[in-house]
C-alpha atoms as a PDB file:
ATOM      1  CA  MET A   1      34.985  70.218 110.222  1.00  0.00           C
ATOM      2  CA  THR A   2      32.802  72.600 108.350  1.00  0.00           C
ATOM      3  CA  PRO A   3      33.911  74.421 105.207  1.00  0.00           C
ATOM      4  CA  GLY A   4      34.124  77.699 107.169  1.00  0.00           C
ATOM      5  CA  GLU A   5      36.432  76.117 109.764  1.00  0.00           C
ATOM      6  CA  LEU A   6      38.573  74.618 107.016  1.00  0.00           C
ATOM      7  CA  ALA A   7      38.877  78.008 105.300  1.00  0.00           C
ATOM      8  CA  ALA A   8      39.797  79.669 108.616  1.00  0.00           C
ATOM      9  CA  THR A   9      42.443  76.991 109.282  1.00  0.00           C
ATOM     10  CA  VAL A  10      43.966  77.419 105.805  1.00  0.00           C
ATOM     11  CA  ALA A  11      43.921  81.205 106.171  1.00  0.00           C
ATOM     12  CA  SER A  12      45.584  81.055 109.601  1.00  0.00           C
ATOM     13  CA  ILE A  13      48.312  78.686 108.286  1.00  0.00           C
ATOM     14  CA  ALA A  14      48.925  80.984 105.300  1.00  0.00           C
ATOM     15  CA  PHE A  15      49.065  83.990 107.630  1.00  0.00           C
ATOM     16  CA  ALA A  16      51.539  82.190 109.919  1.00  0.00           C
ATOM     17  CA  MET A  17      53.730  81.324 106.912  1.00  0.00           C
ATOM     18  CA  LEU A  18      53.572  84.962 105.814  1.00  0.00           C
ATOM     19  CA  VAL A  19      54.609  86.155 109.273  1.00  0.00           C
ATOM     20  CA  VAL A  20      57.518  83.659 109.409  1.00  0.00           C
ATOM     21  CA  GLY A  21      58.654  84.760 105.925  1.00  0.00           C
ATOM     22  CA  LEU A  22      58.532  88.414 106.934  1.00  0.00           C
ATOM     23  CA  LEU A  23      60.511  87.654 110.114  1.00  0.00           C
ATOM     24  CA  LEU A  24      63.176  85.860 108.060  1.00  0.00           C
ATOM     25  CA  LEU A  25      63.296  88.781 105.626  1.00  0.00           C
ATOM     26  CA  ILE A  26      63.647  91.300 108.472  1.00  0.00           C
ATOM     27  CA  GLY A  27      66.410  89.178 110.059  1.00  0.00           C
ATOM     28  CA  SER A  28      68.295  89.092 106.760  1.00  0.00           C
ATOM     29  CA  ALA A  29      67.913  92.861 106.365  1.00  0.00           C
ATOM     30  CA  ILE A  30      69.208  93.427 109.904  1.00  0.00           C
ATOM     31  CA  ARG A  31      72.292  91.245 109.223  1.00  0.00           C
ATOM     32  CA  THR A  32      72.946  93.084 105.959  1.00  0.00           C
ATOM     33  CA  LEU A  33      72.633  96.496 107.617  1.00  0.00           C
ATOM     34  CA  SER A  34      74.940  95.356 110.409  1.00  0.00           C
ATOM     35  CA  SER A  35      77.630  94.296 107.920  1.00  0.00           C
ATOM     36  CA  VAL A  36      77.188  97.565 106.001  1.00  0.00           C
ATOM     37  CA  ARG A  37      77.567  99.512 109.253  1.00  0.00           C
ATOM     38  CA  GLY A  38      80.792  97.614 109.986  1.00  0.00           C
ATOM     39  CA  ALA A  39      82.128  98.363 106.506  1.00  0.00           C
ATOM     40  CA  VAL A  40      81.279 102.051 106.879  1.00  0.00           C
ATOM     41  CA  ASP A  41      83.051 102.146 110.251  1.00  0.00           C
ATOM     42  CA  ASP A  42      86.127 100.511 108.698  1.00  0.00           C
ATOM     43  CA  VAL A  43      86.120 103.049 105.886  1.00  0.00           C
ATOM     44  CA  ARG A  44      85.716 105.887 108.380  1.00  0.00           C
ATOM     45  CA  HIS A  45      88.612 104.620 110.520  1.00  0.00           C
ATOM     46  CA  THR A  46      90.788 104.360 107.419  1.00  0.00           C
ATOM     47  CA  ALA A  47      89.665 107.527 105.639  1.00  0.00           C
ATOM     48  CA  VAL A  48      89.920 110.007 108.521  1.00  0.00           C
ATOM     49  CA  PRO A  49      93.710 109.584 108.964  1.00  0.00           C
ATOM     50  CA  LEU A  50      94.171 109.656 105.188  1.00  0.00           C
ATOM     51  CA  ILE A  51      92.236 112.899 104.934  1.00  0.00           C
ATOM     52  CA  ALA A  52      94.350 114.354 107.735  1.00  0.00           C
ATOM     53  CA  ASP A  53      97.485 113.310 105.835  1.00  0.00           C
ATOM     54  CA  ILE A  54      96.126 114.908 102.670  1.00  0.00           C
ATOM     55  CA  HIS A  55      95.472 118.160 104.539  1.00  0.00           C
ATOM     56  CA  LEU A  56      99.043 118.101 105.856  1.00  0.00           C
ATOM     57  CA  ALA A  57     100.440 117.431 102.373  1.00  0.00           C
ATOM     58  CA  VAL A  58      98.394 120.279 100.911  1.00  0.00           C
ATOM     59  CA  ARG A  59      99.622 122.672 103.615  1.00  0.00           C
ATOM     60  CA  GLN A  60     103.234 121.626 102.950  1.00  0.00           C
ATOM     61  CA  ALA A  61     102.767 122.033  99.200  1.00  0.00           C
ATOM     62  CA  LYS A  62     101.317 125.487  99.766  1.00  0.00           C
ATOM     63  CA  GLY A  63     104.370 126.426 101.838  1.00  0.00           C
ATOM     64  CA  ASP A  64     106.669 125.052  99.137  1.00  0.00           C
ATOM     65  CA  LEU A  65     104.823 127.047  96.488  1.00  0.00           C
ATOM     66  CA  VAL A  66     105.294 130.221  98.538  1.00  0.00           C
ATOM     67  CA  GLN A  67     109.017 129.505  98.758  1.00  0.00           C
ATOM     68  CA  VAL A  68     109.212 128.841  95.011  1.00  0.00           C
ATOM     69  CA  GLU A  69     107.397 132.111  94.385  1.00  0.00           C
ATOM     70  CA  HIS A  70     109.959 133.979  96.502  1.00  0.00           C
ATOM     71  CA  ILE A  71     112.796 132.237  94.644  1.00  0.00           C
ATOM     72  CA  LEU A  72     111.287 133.205  91.301  1.00  0.00           C
ATOM     73  CA  GLU A  73     110.935 136.820  92.428  1.00  0.00           C
ATOM     74  CA  ARG A  74     114.576 136.869  93.520  1.00  0.00           C
ATOM     75  CA  THR A  75     115.632 135.248  90.251  1.00  0.00           C
ATOM     76  CA  GLU A  76     113.774 137.898  88.254  1.00  0.00           C
ATOM     77  CA  SER A  77     115.438 140.601  90.326  1.00  0.00           C
ATOM     78  CA  ILE A  78     118.872 139.072  89.745  1.00  0.00           C
ATOM     79  CA  LYS A  79     118.112 138.712  86.028  1.00  0.00           C
ATOM     80  CA  GLY A  80     117.222 142.399  85.837  1.00  0.00           C
ATOM     81  CA  THR A  81     120.434 143.322  87.644  1.00  0.00           C
ATOM     82  CA  VAL A  82     122.538 141.130  85.342  1.00  0.00           C
ATOM     83  CA  ASP A  83     120.830 142.561  82.264  1.00  0.00           C
ATOM     84  CA  THR A  84     121.531 146.091  83.457  1.00  0.00           C
ATOM     85  CA  ALA A  85     125.130 145.230  84.292  1.00  0.00           C
ATOM     86  CA  SER A  86     125.606 143.600  80.878  1.00  0.00           C
ATOM     87  CA  ARG A  87     124.273 146.648  79.086  1.00  0.00           C
ATOM     88  CA  LEU A  88     126.526 148.902  81.150  1.00  0.00           C
ATOM     89  CA  ALA A  89     129.551 146.685  80.483  1.00  0.00           C
ATOM     90  CA  VAL A  90     128.868 146.660  76.755  1.00  0.00           C
ATOM     91  CA  ALA A  91     128.411 150.413  76.751  1.00  0.00           C
ATOM     92  CA  ALA A  92     131.555 150.984  78.820  1.00  0.00           C
ATOM     93  CA  PHE A  93     133.917 148.525  77.140  1.00  0.00           C
ATOM     94  CA  ALA A  94     132.684 148.100  73.582  1.00  0.00           C
ATOM     95  CA  THR A  95     133.907 151.403  72.207  1.00  0.00           C
ATOM     96  CA  PRO A  96     137.384 151.333  73.852  1.00  0.00           C
ATOM     97  CA  VAL A  97     137.910 147.680  72.896  1.00  0.00           C
ATOM     98  CA  ILE A  98     136.940 148.398  69.304  1.00  0.00           C
ATOM     99  CA  LYS A  99     139.278 151.393  69.276  1.00  0.00           C
ATOM    100  CA  ILE A 100     142.147 149.353  70.741  1.00  0.00           C
ATOM    101  CA  ALA A 101     141.557 146.584  68.194  1.00  0.00           C
ATOM    102  CA  ALA A 102     141.497 149.101  65.374  1.00  0.00           C
ATOM    103  CA  ILE A 103     144.656 150.830  66.591  1.00  0.00           C
ATOM    104  CA  SER A 104     146.515 147.535  67.027  1.00  0.00           C
ATOM    105  CA  THR A 105     145.434 146.352  63.578  1.00  0.00           C
ATOM    106  CA  GLY A 106     146.468 149.655  62.068  1.00  0.00           C
ATOM    107  CA  MET A 107     149.804 149.602  63.861  1.00  0.00           C
ATOM    108  CA  SER A 108     150.554 146.067  62.764  1.00  0.00           C
ATOM    109  CA  ARG A 109     149.754 146.967  59.121  1.00  0.00           C
ATOM    110  CA  ALA A 110     151.896 150.066  59.389  1.00  0.00           C
ATOM    111  CA  ALA A 111     154.743 148.066  60.900  1.00  0.00           C
ATOM    112  CA  ARG A 112     154.513 145.542  58.069  1.00  0.00           C
ATOM    113  CA  ARG A 113     154.541 148.270  55.455  1.00  0.00           C
ATOM    114  CA  LEU A 114     157.488 149.992  57.045  1.00  0.00           C
ATOM    115  CA  SER A 115     159.409 146.797  57.286  1.00  0.00           C
ATOM    116  CA  GLY A 116     158.610 146.017  53.660  1.00  0.00           C
ATOM    117  CA  LYS A 117     156.713 142.763  54.185  1.00  0.00           C
ATOM    118  CA  ALA A 118     153.476 144.030  52.646  1.00  0.00           C
END
């Protein structure tokens, strides 16, 4: 075997080892990508129903917020009505009640003076 043949044989063996190494590397990459694809599919199958549930919960919360807003509006309306009624009641009854209290106090003092208990 001549030195040129020996060099060609060594180069062809090195090239064959390189090709086998690359094939093993490609096989490993294919297995990894396959497992990643499976994991992504699992996440997709799990996440899609969860996202649908989240959308439903958000829609329900929005409806509840609308109802709470209506309740607050009604409460403010009732509060205004009660405030107005309270002011009217104070205006209507305060003066007569004060007058009645004053008259009754005055009458009781007068009765005590007339009876001589003062």
